Structure formats: C-alpha cells, structure tokens
C-alpha cells in the first residue's frame, strides 16, 4: 500500500502520532523551537491548514471566551468574495496549552509546520521499523478532523461549514466514516 496523502488517520494511528509527538516534546526545526505535540494536536483538533498558524496575525487567530467556554477563532480566506471565520470549541486535549501556544511567537511560514509534521512522521516510522504507510501531512490532519466530527455525530452540513469545503469534498471524508465502513462490511 502506498502513501495516501489525503487519507485520514484511524483512531489508532492518531493515538500513535500524538504519543510520538508528545514524547518528542520541544523540537528545533529551521532554527525555531516548538512543541511537536502542540502542533499535531492543534491541526488534528481544528482541521485548520498550517497557514492559519503561519498567518496568525492576519487570520486573527485567537482564543475567545464566551459564557465560560473557550473557543478558537480565526478568519478564513475569502471564498467567492465573502469573508468568513471559524469558531470551534477548544477540545479537552488543547485546553491545557492553547492560550500559551497561541500567544507565543509562532513561525510565520507554512513550510515550518510541514517540516514539524515530517519530523514526527520520521520518528513514527523509526518506531514502526519503516512500516508506516500514512502520510502525516496537513491534508491528512484536516481530513482526519472531518472524519472525527462525522464519527462524533456532527451533521455533515455543519462539518462542511466548519471546514469551509464543498459538498463534493465532504464526500471524500464521509467515505472514511465508521458508519459507512460498517455499512459496507469493512
């Protein structure tokens, strides 16, 4: 089986990637230090592209508190001439570090976050003796987010809105949902 860039990670694979990233802790990539776990957890739990982190200021990426709950908010790129934003509840996994992480001086180029993911992937492959077949990449993280929300029971239209994607693109995620896999006997 070859690398499938868009294929989402299974729960087992997500756990493996998060465990390895957590063990790696703070790493140095392109002369910048960053916590690998924070990057991986953020991408998995927000479905955002690394450009959101890289363009933190122009995207107005921040933690917002409303009615005692924490949310992550950012502006999305204009689509069809319309400006929009995403606002997600902060996951339990992110709560302990998200304010500190987003208030820090994050590197402002996308290639940095791709390099962080590549370092995590290398470490996962080392631990699995090179048998890892998943591409730990921004699209894989984003698609994993979509499948996780569908598996959590979120209506597909809401997932589509959160991810700012077309119905056609959403069908890519749906084909990996647990419900569909059970229905086809996989």
N, C-alpha and C. Protein backbone atom coordinates (compact mmCIF):
# COMPACT_ATOMS: atom_id res chain seq x y z
N UNK A 1 0.85 -1.19 0.00
CA UNK A 1 0.00 0.00 0.00
C UNK A 1 0.88 1.23 0.00
N UNK A 2 0.66 2.15 -0.90
CA UNK A 2 1.46 3.36 -0.99
C UNK A 2 0.94 4.46 -0.09
N UNK A 3 1.67 5.54 -0.05
CA UNK A 3 1.27 6.69 0.75
C UNK A 3 0.03 7.32 0.14
N UNK A 4 -0.95 7.60 0.97
CA UNK A 4 -2.17 8.24 0.51
C UNK A 4 -2.31 9.55 1.27
N UNK A 5 -1.91 10.61 0.58
CA UNK A 5 -1.82 11.92 1.21
C UNK A 5 -3.12 12.40 1.83
N UNK A 6 -4.23 12.12 1.19
CA UNK A 6 -5.50 12.66 1.68
C UNK A 6 -6.20 11.72 2.65
N UNK A 7 -5.71 10.52 2.81
CA UNK A 7 -6.38 9.54 3.65
C UNK A 7 -6.28 9.94 5.12
N UNK A 8 -7.40 9.96 5.82
CA UNK A 8 -7.37 10.32 7.24
C UNK A 8 -6.73 9.21 8.07
N UNK A 9 -6.26 9.60 9.24
CA UNK A 9 -5.68 8.64 10.17
C UNK A 9 -6.78 7.95 10.96
N UNK A 10 -6.61 6.67 11.22
CA UNK A 10 -7.54 5.95 12.09
C UNK A 10 -7.31 6.42 13.53
N UNK A 11 -8.19 6.03 14.43
CA UNK A 11 -8.02 6.40 15.85
C UNK A 11 -6.70 5.85 16.38
N UNK A 12 -6.36 4.62 16.01
CA UNK A 12 -5.11 4.00 16.46
C UNK A 12 -3.92 4.79 15.93
N UNK A 13 -3.99 5.17 14.67
CA UNK A 13 -2.89 5.95 14.07
C UNK A 13 -2.79 7.33 14.70
N UNK A 14 -3.92 7.96 14.98
CA UNK A 14 -3.91 9.26 15.65
C UNK A 14 -3.23 9.14 17.01
N UNK A 15 -3.61 8.12 17.76
CA UNK A 15 -3.01 7.91 19.08
C UNK A 15 -1.50 7.73 18.98
N UNK A 16 -1.07 6.97 17.98
CA UNK A 16 0.37 6.73 17.77
C UNK A 16 1.09 8.04 17.46
N UNK A 17 0.55 8.82 16.55
CA UNK A 17 1.17 10.08 16.15
C UNK A 17 1.22 11.05 17.34
N UNK A 18 0.13 11.14 18.09
CA UNK A 18 0.10 12.03 19.24
C UNK A 18 1.09 11.58 20.32
N UNK A 19 1.18 10.27 20.54
CA UNK A 19 2.11 9.74 21.54
C UNK A 19 3.55 10.07 21.16
N UNK A 20 3.89 9.84 19.90
CA UNK A 20 5.25 10.12 19.43
C UNK A 20 5.55 11.62 19.53
N UNK A 21 4.60 12.45 19.10
CA UNK A 21 4.80 13.90 19.16
C UNK A 21 4.98 14.36 20.61
N UNK A 22 4.22 13.77 21.52
CA UNK A 22 4.34 14.13 22.93
C UNK A 22 5.71 13.72 23.48
N UNK A 23 6.17 12.54 23.09
CA UNK A 23 7.50 12.08 23.52
C UNK A 23 8.60 12.98 22.96
N UNK A 24 8.41 13.49 21.76
CA UNK A 24 9.40 14.37 21.14
C UNK A 24 9.49 15.70 21.89
N UNK A 25 8.36 16.18 22.39
CA UNK A 25 8.34 17.44 23.13
C UNK A 25 8.76 18.61 22.26
N UNK A 26 9.61 19.48 22.83
CA UNK A 26 10.08 20.65 22.11
C UNK A 26 11.19 20.22 21.16
N UNK A 27 10.99 20.56 19.89
CA UNK A 27 11.98 20.23 18.87
C UNK A 27 12.44 21.51 18.17
N UNK A 28 13.59 21.43 17.53
CA UNK A 28 14.10 22.57 16.77
C UNK A 28 13.99 22.25 15.29
N UNK A 29 13.28 23.10 14.58
CA UNK A 29 13.09 22.96 13.15
C UNK A 29 13.36 24.34 12.53
N UNK A 30 14.22 24.38 11.54
CA UNK A 30 14.55 25.65 10.87
C UNK A 30 14.92 26.73 11.89
N UNK A 31 15.69 26.41 12.87
CA UNK A 31 16.17 27.29 13.93
C UNK A 31 15.06 27.84 14.84
N UNK A 32 13.90 27.22 14.83
CA UNK A 32 12.81 27.62 15.73
C UNK A 32 12.47 26.43 16.62
N UNK A 33 12.22 26.73 17.89
CA UNK A 33 11.80 25.67 18.81
C UNK A 33 10.28 25.70 18.92
N UNK A 34 9.71 24.49 18.93
CA UNK A 34 8.25 24.38 19.08
C UNK A 34 7.93 23.00 19.64
N UNK A 35 6.85 22.92 20.35
CA UNK A 35 6.40 21.65 20.90
C UNK A 35 5.67 20.87 19.80
N UNK A 36 6.22 19.74 19.40
CA UNK A 36 5.64 18.94 18.31
C UNK A 36 4.22 18.51 18.64
N UNK A 37 3.98 18.15 19.88
CA UNK A 37 2.64 17.71 20.29
C UNK A 37 1.63 18.83 20.11
N UNK A 38 2.00 20.06 20.46
CA UNK A 38 1.08 21.19 20.32
C UNK A 38 0.65 21.37 18.87
N UNK A 39 1.61 21.26 17.96
CA UNK A 39 1.31 21.43 16.54
C UNK A 39 0.38 20.32 16.05
N UNK A 40 0.73 19.08 16.34
CA UNK A 40 -0.07 17.94 15.87
C UNK A 40 -1.47 18.00 16.47
N UNK A 41 -1.58 18.22 17.76
CA UNK A 41 -2.89 18.28 18.42
C UNK A 41 -3.72 19.43 17.87
N UNK A 42 -3.10 20.59 17.64
CA UNK A 42 -3.83 21.74 17.10
C UNK A 42 -4.40 21.40 15.72
N UNK A 43 -3.57 20.85 14.86
CA UNK A 43 -4.03 20.53 13.50
C UNK A 43 -5.12 19.46 13.51
N UNK A 44 -4.97 18.44 14.35
CA UNK A 44 -5.98 17.38 14.43
C UNK A 44 -7.30 17.89 15.00
N UNK A 45 -7.23 18.78 15.99
CA UNK A 45 -8.43 19.21 16.70
C UNK A 45 -9.10 20.45 16.11
N UNK A 46 -8.47 21.08 15.12
CA UNK A 46 -9.10 22.25 14.49
C UNK A 46 -9.39 22.04 13.02
N UNK A 47 -8.71 21.10 12.38
CA UNK A 47 -8.89 20.89 10.96
C UNK A 47 -8.34 22.04 10.12
N UNK A 48 -7.57 22.91 10.76
CA UNK A 48 -7.04 24.06 10.03
C UNK A 48 -5.80 23.67 9.24
N UNK A 49 -5.51 24.46 8.27
CA UNK A 49 -4.30 24.31 7.47
C UNK A 49 -3.17 25.01 8.23
N UNK A 50 -1.91 24.58 8.06
CA UNK A 50 -0.80 25.26 8.73
C UNK A 50 -0.73 26.76 8.45
N UNK A 51 -1.33 27.20 7.35
CA UNK A 51 -1.32 28.64 7.05
C UNK A 51 -2.03 29.44 8.14
N UNK A 52 -2.98 28.81 8.83
CA UNK A 52 -3.67 29.51 9.92
C UNK A 52 -2.67 29.85 11.03
N UNK A 53 -1.79 28.90 11.36
CA UNK A 53 -0.75 29.17 12.35
C UNK A 53 0.28 30.14 11.80
N UNK A 54 0.68 29.94 10.54
CA UNK A 54 1.71 30.78 9.94
C UNK A 54 1.24 32.23 9.76
N UNK A 55 -0.04 32.41 9.55
CA UNK A 55 -0.59 33.75 9.34
C UNK A 55 -1.45 34.16 10.53
N UNK A 56 -0.97 33.83 11.72
CA UNK A 56 -1.72 34.05 12.96
C UNK A 56 -2.27 35.47 13.07
N UNK A 57 -1.46 36.46 12.76
CA UNK A 57 -1.89 37.85 12.91
C UNK A 57 -2.93 38.22 11.87
N UNK A 58 -2.66 37.97 10.60
CA UNK A 58 -3.62 38.36 9.56
C UNK A 58 -4.91 37.53 9.63
N UNK A 59 -4.82 36.32 10.15
CA UNK A 59 -6.01 35.48 10.29
C UNK A 59 -6.74 35.76 11.60
N UNK A 60 -6.15 36.62 12.44
CA UNK A 60 -6.73 36.95 13.75
C UNK A 60 -7.02 35.69 14.56
N UNK A 61 -6.04 34.78 14.55
CA UNK A 61 -6.15 33.52 15.29
C UNK A 61 -6.05 33.80 16.78
N UNK A 62 -7.05 33.37 17.52
CA UNK A 62 -7.06 33.67 18.95
C UNK A 62 -7.99 32.72 19.71
N UNK A 63 -7.84 32.77 21.03
CA UNK A 63 -8.74 32.05 21.92
C UNK A 63 -9.75 33.07 22.44
N UNK A 64 -11.02 32.71 22.33
CA UNK A 64 -12.10 33.59 22.75
C UNK A 64 -12.86 32.89 23.87
N UNK A 65 -13.23 33.65 24.89
CA UNK A 65 -14.04 33.08 25.96
C UNK A 65 -15.44 33.67 25.89
N UNK A 66 -16.43 32.79 25.81
CA UNK A 66 -17.83 33.20 25.78
C UNK A 66 -18.63 32.30 26.71
N UNK A 67 -19.37 32.91 27.61
CA UNK A 67 -20.22 32.18 28.55
C UNK A 67 -19.45 31.08 29.28
N UNK A 68 -18.22 31.38 29.66
CA UNK A 68 -17.41 30.43 30.43
C UNK A 68 -16.78 29.32 29.60
N UNK A 69 -16.95 29.35 28.28
CA UNK A 69 -16.36 28.33 27.41
C UNK A 69 -15.30 28.96 26.53
N UNK A 70 -14.27 28.16 26.22
CA UNK A 70 -13.19 28.61 25.36
C UNK A 70 -13.41 28.16 23.92
N UNK A 71 -13.13 29.05 23.00
CA UNK A 71 -13.23 28.78 21.57
C UNK A 71 -11.96 29.25 20.87
N UNK A 72 -11.63 28.60 19.78
CA UNK A 72 -10.55 29.05 18.92
C UNK A 72 -11.23 29.69 17.72
N UNK A 73 -10.78 30.89 17.38
CA UNK A 73 -11.41 31.63 16.30
C UNK A 73 -10.34 32.11 15.32
N UNK A 74 -10.67 32.08 14.02
CA UNK A 74 -9.79 32.65 13.01
C UNK A 74 -10.59 33.01 11.77
N UNK A 75 -10.04 33.98 11.03
CA UNK A 75 -10.64 34.37 9.76
C UNK A 75 -10.22 33.37 8.70
N UNK A 76 -11.16 33.01 7.86
CA UNK A 76 -10.86 32.13 6.73
C UNK A 76 -10.58 33.00 5.51
N UNK A 77 -9.88 32.43 4.56
CA UNK A 77 -9.67 33.19 3.32
C UNK A 77 -11.01 33.45 2.64
N UNK A 78 -11.05 34.53 1.91
CA UNK A 78 -12.29 34.85 1.19
C UNK A 78 -12.59 33.76 0.18
N UNK A 79 -13.85 33.37 0.16
CA UNK A 79 -14.31 32.38 -0.80
C UNK A 79 -15.51 32.97 -1.51
N UNK A 80 -15.43 33.03 -2.81
CA UNK A 80 -16.50 33.64 -3.61
C UNK A 80 -16.76 35.07 -3.15
N UNK A 81 -15.68 35.79 -2.79
CA UNK A 81 -15.79 37.19 -2.41
C UNK A 81 -16.33 37.44 -1.02
N UNK A 82 -16.59 36.38 -0.25
CA UNK A 82 -17.16 36.54 1.08
C UNK A 82 -16.12 36.23 2.15
N UNK A 83 -16.05 37.11 3.13
CA UNK A 83 -15.16 36.86 4.25
C UNK A 83 -15.93 36.04 5.29
N UNK A 84 -15.25 35.12 5.92
CA UNK A 84 -15.90 34.27 6.92
C UNK A 84 -14.91 33.98 8.03
N UNK A 85 -15.39 33.37 9.09
CA UNK A 85 -14.49 32.97 10.16
C UNK A 85 -14.94 31.63 10.70
N UNK A 86 -14.01 30.98 11.36
CA UNK A 86 -14.30 29.71 12.02
C UNK A 86 -14.18 29.94 13.51
N UNK A 87 -15.07 29.31 14.26
CA UNK A 87 -15.02 29.38 15.71
C UNK A 87 -15.38 28.00 16.24
N UNK A 88 -14.39 27.35 16.85
CA UNK A 88 -14.56 25.99 17.34
C UNK A 88 -14.38 25.95 18.86
N UNK A 89 -15.15 25.10 19.54
CA UNK A 89 -14.87 24.91 20.96
C UNK A 89 -13.47 24.32 21.12
N UNK A 90 -12.76 24.75 22.13
CA UNK A 90 -11.44 24.21 22.41
C UNK A 90 -11.61 22.78 22.92
N UNK A 91 -10.96 21.85 22.28
CA UNK A 91 -11.06 20.45 22.69
C UNK A 91 -10.40 20.26 24.06
N UNK A 92 -10.78 19.20 24.73
CA UNK A 92 -10.17 18.89 26.03
C UNK A 92 -8.66 18.75 25.90
N UNK A 93 -8.24 18.16 24.80
CA UNK A 93 -6.81 17.94 24.58
C UNK A 93 -6.03 19.26 24.51
N UNK A 94 -6.65 20.30 23.94
CA UNK A 94 -5.97 21.58 23.74
C UNK A 94 -6.07 22.53 24.93
N UNK A 95 -7.02 22.30 25.82
CA UNK A 95 -7.30 23.25 26.89
C UNK A 95 -6.09 23.61 27.75
N UNK A 96 -5.23 22.65 28.03
CA UNK A 96 -4.13 22.92 28.96
C UNK A 96 -3.03 23.81 28.39
N UNK A 97 -2.95 23.93 27.07
CA UNK A 97 -1.85 24.71 26.50
C UNK A 97 -2.23 25.72 25.43
N UNK A 98 -3.49 25.76 25.00
CA UNK A 98 -3.84 26.55 23.82
C UNK A 98 -3.58 28.04 23.99
N UNK A 99 -3.90 28.61 25.15
CA UNK A 99 -3.67 30.05 25.34
C UNK A 99 -2.18 30.38 25.23
N UNK A 100 -1.37 29.60 25.90
CA UNK A 100 0.08 29.81 25.86
C UNK A 100 0.61 29.61 24.44
N UNK A 101 0.17 28.56 23.79
CA UNK A 101 0.64 28.24 22.45
C UNK A 101 0.32 29.37 21.47
N UNK A 102 -0.91 29.84 21.47
CA UNK A 102 -1.31 30.87 20.51
C UNK A 102 -0.79 32.26 20.86
N UNK A 103 -0.46 32.49 22.12
CA UNK A 103 0.09 33.80 22.49
C UNK A 103 1.59 33.88 22.23
N UNK A 104 2.20 32.74 21.95
CA UNK A 104 3.64 32.72 21.67
C UNK A 104 3.97 33.24 20.28
N UNK A 105 5.25 33.38 20.04
CA UNK A 105 5.74 33.86 18.76
C UNK A 105 5.87 32.67 17.81
N UNK A 106 4.84 32.41 17.03
CA UNK A 106 4.83 31.26 16.14
C UNK A 106 5.53 31.61 14.82
N UNK A 107 6.31 30.68 14.29
CA UNK A 107 6.94 30.92 12.99
C UNK A 107 5.87 31.23 11.94
N UNK A 108 6.19 32.18 11.06
CA UNK A 108 5.17 32.67 10.13
C UNK A 108 5.36 32.19 8.69
N UNK A 109 5.71 30.92 8.54
CA UNK A 109 5.75 30.34 7.21
C UNK A 109 5.28 28.89 7.26
N UNK A 110 4.45 28.55 6.28
CA UNK A 110 3.80 27.24 6.27
C UNK A 110 4.77 26.07 6.22
N UNK A 111 5.86 26.25 5.50
CA UNK A 111 6.83 25.16 5.36
C UNK A 111 7.36 24.71 6.72
N UNK A 112 7.38 25.59 7.69
CA UNK A 112 7.83 25.23 9.02
C UNK A 112 6.94 24.13 9.60
N UNK A 113 5.63 24.30 9.52
CA UNK A 113 4.70 23.33 10.11
C UNK A 113 4.71 22.01 9.34
N UNK A 114 4.91 22.10 8.02
CA UNK A 114 5.08 20.87 7.24
C UNK A 114 6.34 20.13 7.71
N UNK A 115 7.41 20.88 8.00
CA UNK A 115 8.65 20.28 8.48
C UNK A 115 8.45 19.63 9.85
N UNK A 116 7.67 20.26 10.72
CA UNK A 116 7.37 19.67 12.03
C UNK A 116 6.66 18.33 11.83
N UNK A 117 5.66 18.31 10.96
CA UNK A 117 4.93 17.06 10.69
C UNK A 117 5.87 16.01 10.10
N UNK A 118 6.78 16.42 9.25
CA UNK A 118 7.75 15.47 8.67
C UNK A 118 8.66 14.88 9.74
N UNK A 119 9.06 15.69 10.71
CA UNK A 119 9.89 15.19 11.82
C UNK A 119 9.13 14.16 12.64
N UNK A 120 7.86 14.44 12.90
CA UNK A 120 7.02 13.49 13.65
C UNK A 120 6.87 12.21 12.84
N UNK A 121 6.63 12.34 11.54
CA UNK A 121 6.48 11.16 10.69
C UNK A 121 7.74 10.30 10.71
N UNK A 122 8.91 10.94 10.62
CA UNK A 122 10.17 10.19 10.65
C UNK A 122 10.30 9.39 11.95
N UNK A 123 9.93 10.02 13.04
CA UNK A 123 10.02 9.35 14.35
C UNK A 123 9.03 8.19 14.44
N UNK A 124 7.82 8.37 13.92
CA UNK A 124 6.83 7.29 13.90
C UNK A 124 7.38 6.13 13.07
N UNK A 125 7.94 6.43 11.91
CA UNK A 125 8.49 5.38 11.05
C UNK A 125 9.65 4.66 11.71
N UNK A 126 10.49 5.39 12.45
CA UNK A 126 11.59 4.75 13.19
C UNK A 126 11.04 3.74 14.19
N UNK A 127 10.00 4.15 14.91
CA UNK A 127 9.41 3.26 15.92
C UNK A 127 8.71 2.06 15.30
N UNK A 128 8.20 2.24 14.08
CA UNK A 128 7.49 1.16 13.40
C UNK A 128 8.36 0.46 12.36
N UNK A 129 9.67 0.61 12.47
CA UNK A 129 10.63 -0.02 11.56
C UNK A 129 10.32 0.25 10.09
N UNK A 130 9.90 1.47 9.79
CA UNK A 130 9.64 1.86 8.41
C UNK A 130 8.35 1.33 7.82
N UNK A 131 7.50 0.72 8.63
CA UNK A 131 6.26 0.13 8.12
C UNK A 131 5.10 1.12 8.03
N UNK A 132 5.30 2.33 8.48
CA UNK A 132 4.25 3.33 8.47
C UNK A 132 3.89 3.69 7.03
N UNK A 133 2.62 3.64 6.68
CA UNK A 133 2.22 3.91 5.29
C UNK A 133 1.42 5.19 5.15
N UNK A 134 1.12 5.85 6.24
CA UNK A 134 0.31 7.07 6.17
C UNK A 134 1.21 8.28 5.99
N UNK A 135 0.71 9.25 5.27
CA UNK A 135 1.43 10.49 5.10
C UNK A 135 0.92 11.46 6.15
N UNK A 136 1.73 11.74 7.12
CA UNK A 136 1.36 12.71 8.15
C UNK A 136 1.60 14.08 7.53
N UNK A 137 0.53 14.69 7.07
CA UNK A 137 0.63 15.94 6.34
C UNK A 137 -0.59 16.80 6.67
N UNK A 138 -0.56 18.07 6.28
CA UNK A 138 -1.70 18.95 6.59
C UNK A 138 -3.04 18.42 6.08
N UNK A 139 -3.08 17.91 4.86
CA UNK A 139 -4.35 17.39 4.34
C UNK A 139 -4.82 16.16 5.11
N UNK A 140 -3.89 15.29 5.47
CA UNK A 140 -4.24 14.13 6.26
C UNK A 140 -4.83 14.53 7.61
N UNK A 141 -4.25 15.56 8.24
CA UNK A 141 -4.75 16.04 9.54
C UNK A 141 -6.14 16.66 9.36
N UNK A 142 -6.29 17.44 8.30
CA UNK A 142 -7.57 18.09 8.04
C UNK A 142 -8.67 17.07 7.76
N UNK A 143 -8.36 16.07 6.96
CA UNK A 143 -9.34 15.04 6.65
C UNK A 143 -9.67 14.22 7.89
N UNK A 144 -8.69 13.99 8.74
CA UNK A 144 -8.92 13.28 10.00
C UNK A 144 -9.89 14.07 10.87
N UNK A 145 -9.71 15.38 10.94
CA UNK A 145 -10.64 16.24 11.69
C UNK A 145 -12.07 16.05 11.17
N UNK A 146 -12.24 16.09 9.85
CA UNK A 146 -13.57 15.94 9.27
C UNK A 146 -14.21 14.60 9.61
N UNK A 147 -13.44 13.53 9.46
CA UNK A 147 -13.96 12.20 9.77
C UNK A 147 -14.29 12.08 11.26
N UNK A 148 -13.44 12.64 12.12
CA UNK A 148 -13.70 12.59 13.56
C UNK A 148 -15.01 13.30 13.90
N UNK A 149 -15.27 14.45 13.28
CA UNK A 149 -16.51 15.18 13.57
C UNK A 149 -17.72 14.38 13.08
N UNK A 150 -17.62 13.78 11.91
CA UNK A 150 -18.72 12.95 11.39
C UNK A 150 -18.94 11.77 12.32
N UNK A 151 -17.85 11.12 12.74
CA UNK A 151 -17.97 9.97 13.66
C UNK A 151 -18.53 10.39 15.01
N UNK A 152 -18.29 11.65 15.41
CA UNK A 152 -18.84 12.15 16.67
C UNK A 152 -20.33 12.45 16.57
N UNK A 153 -20.88 12.33 15.34
CA UNK A 153 -22.31 12.56 15.15
C UNK A 153 -22.67 13.96 14.68
N UNK A 154 -21.67 14.77 14.35
CA UNK A 154 -21.96 16.12 13.87
C UNK A 154 -22.60 16.01 12.48
N UNK A 155 -23.67 16.75 12.24
CA UNK A 155 -24.30 16.72 10.92
C UNK A 155 -23.30 17.13 9.82
N UNK A 156 -23.40 16.43 8.71
CA UNK A 156 -22.46 16.69 7.61
C UNK A 156 -22.47 18.14 7.16
N UNK A 157 -23.62 18.78 7.17
CA UNK A 157 -23.67 20.19 6.73
C UNK A 157 -22.88 21.08 7.67
N UNK A 158 -22.87 20.76 8.95
CA UNK A 158 -22.09 21.55 9.92
C UNK A 158 -20.60 21.29 9.72
N UNK A 159 -20.23 20.03 9.47
CA UNK A 159 -18.83 19.71 9.22
C UNK A 159 -18.36 20.46 7.97
N UNK A 160 -19.20 20.46 6.95
CA UNK A 160 -18.88 21.17 5.71
C UNK A 160 -18.66 22.65 5.99
N UNK A 161 -19.53 23.24 6.80
CA UNK A 161 -19.41 24.67 7.12
C UNK A 161 -18.15 24.95 7.93
N UNK A 162 -17.89 24.12 8.94
CA UNK A 162 -16.69 24.30 9.77
C UNK A 162 -15.41 24.23 8.94
N UNK A 163 -15.41 23.31 7.99
CA UNK A 163 -14.21 23.09 7.21
C UNK A 163 -14.14 23.98 5.98
N UNK A 164 -15.22 24.72 5.71
CA UNK A 164 -15.26 25.61 4.56
C UNK A 164 -14.91 24.84 3.29
N UNK A 165 -15.61 23.71 3.09
CA UNK A 165 -15.35 22.88 1.93
C UNK A 165 -16.64 22.63 1.16
N UNK A 166 -16.50 22.14 -0.04
CA UNK A 166 -17.66 21.85 -0.87
C UNK A 166 -18.30 20.53 -0.45
N UNK A 167 -19.52 20.32 -0.89
CA UNK A 167 -20.20 19.04 -0.62
C UNK A 167 -19.43 17.89 -1.26
N UNK A 168 -18.86 18.14 -2.43
CA UNK A 168 -18.07 17.12 -3.13
C UNK A 168 -16.85 16.72 -2.29
N UNK A 169 -16.18 17.70 -1.73
CA UNK A 169 -15.01 17.42 -0.89
C UNK A 169 -15.44 16.67 0.37
N UNK A 170 -16.56 17.06 0.94
CA UNK A 170 -17.03 16.39 2.15
C UNK A 170 -17.28 14.91 1.89
N UNK A 171 -17.71 14.55 0.71
CA UNK A 171 -17.95 13.14 0.37
C UNK A 171 -16.68 12.31 0.49
N UNK A 172 -15.53 12.95 0.27
CA UNK A 172 -14.25 12.27 0.45
C UNK A 172 -14.10 11.84 1.91
N UNK A 173 -14.47 12.73 2.84
CA UNK A 173 -14.35 12.42 4.26
C UNK A 173 -15.36 11.36 4.67
N UNK A 174 -16.60 11.49 4.19
CA UNK A 174 -17.67 10.60 4.59
C UNK A 174 -17.34 9.14 4.27
N UNK A 175 -16.65 8.91 3.15
CA UNK A 175 -16.36 7.52 2.78
C UNK A 175 -15.45 6.83 3.79
N UNK A 176 -14.80 7.59 4.68
CA UNK A 176 -13.96 7.01 5.72
C UNK A 176 -14.64 6.95 7.09
N UNK A 177 -15.89 7.39 7.16
CA UNK A 177 -16.56 7.41 8.47
C UNK A 177 -16.84 5.99 8.94
N UNK A 178 -16.86 5.82 10.25
CA UNK A 178 -17.11 4.49 10.82
C UNK A 178 -18.44 3.92 10.35
N UNK A 179 -19.47 4.77 10.34
CA UNK A 179 -20.81 4.32 9.96
C UNK A 179 -20.79 3.72 8.55
N UNK A 180 -20.19 4.42 7.61
CA UNK A 180 -20.16 3.92 6.24
C UNK A 180 -19.31 2.65 6.14
N UNK A 181 -18.19 2.62 6.84
CA UNK A 181 -17.34 1.43 6.79
C UNK A 181 -18.06 0.20 7.35
N UNK A 182 -18.86 0.40 8.39
CA UNK A 182 -19.65 -0.70 8.95
C UNK A 182 -20.70 -1.14 7.94
N UNK A 183 -21.35 -0.15 7.30
CA UNK A 183 -22.42 -0.46 6.33
C UNK A 183 -21.89 -1.29 5.16
N UNK A 184 -20.65 -1.05 4.75
CA UNK A 184 -20.08 -1.80 3.61
C UNK A 184 -19.35 -3.05 4.06
N UNK A 185 -19.41 -3.34 5.37
CA UNK A 185 -18.83 -4.57 5.90
C UNK A 185 -17.31 -4.57 6.00
N UNK A 186 -16.73 -3.40 6.23
CA UNK A 186 -15.26 -3.32 6.31
C UNK A 186 -14.81 -3.33 7.73
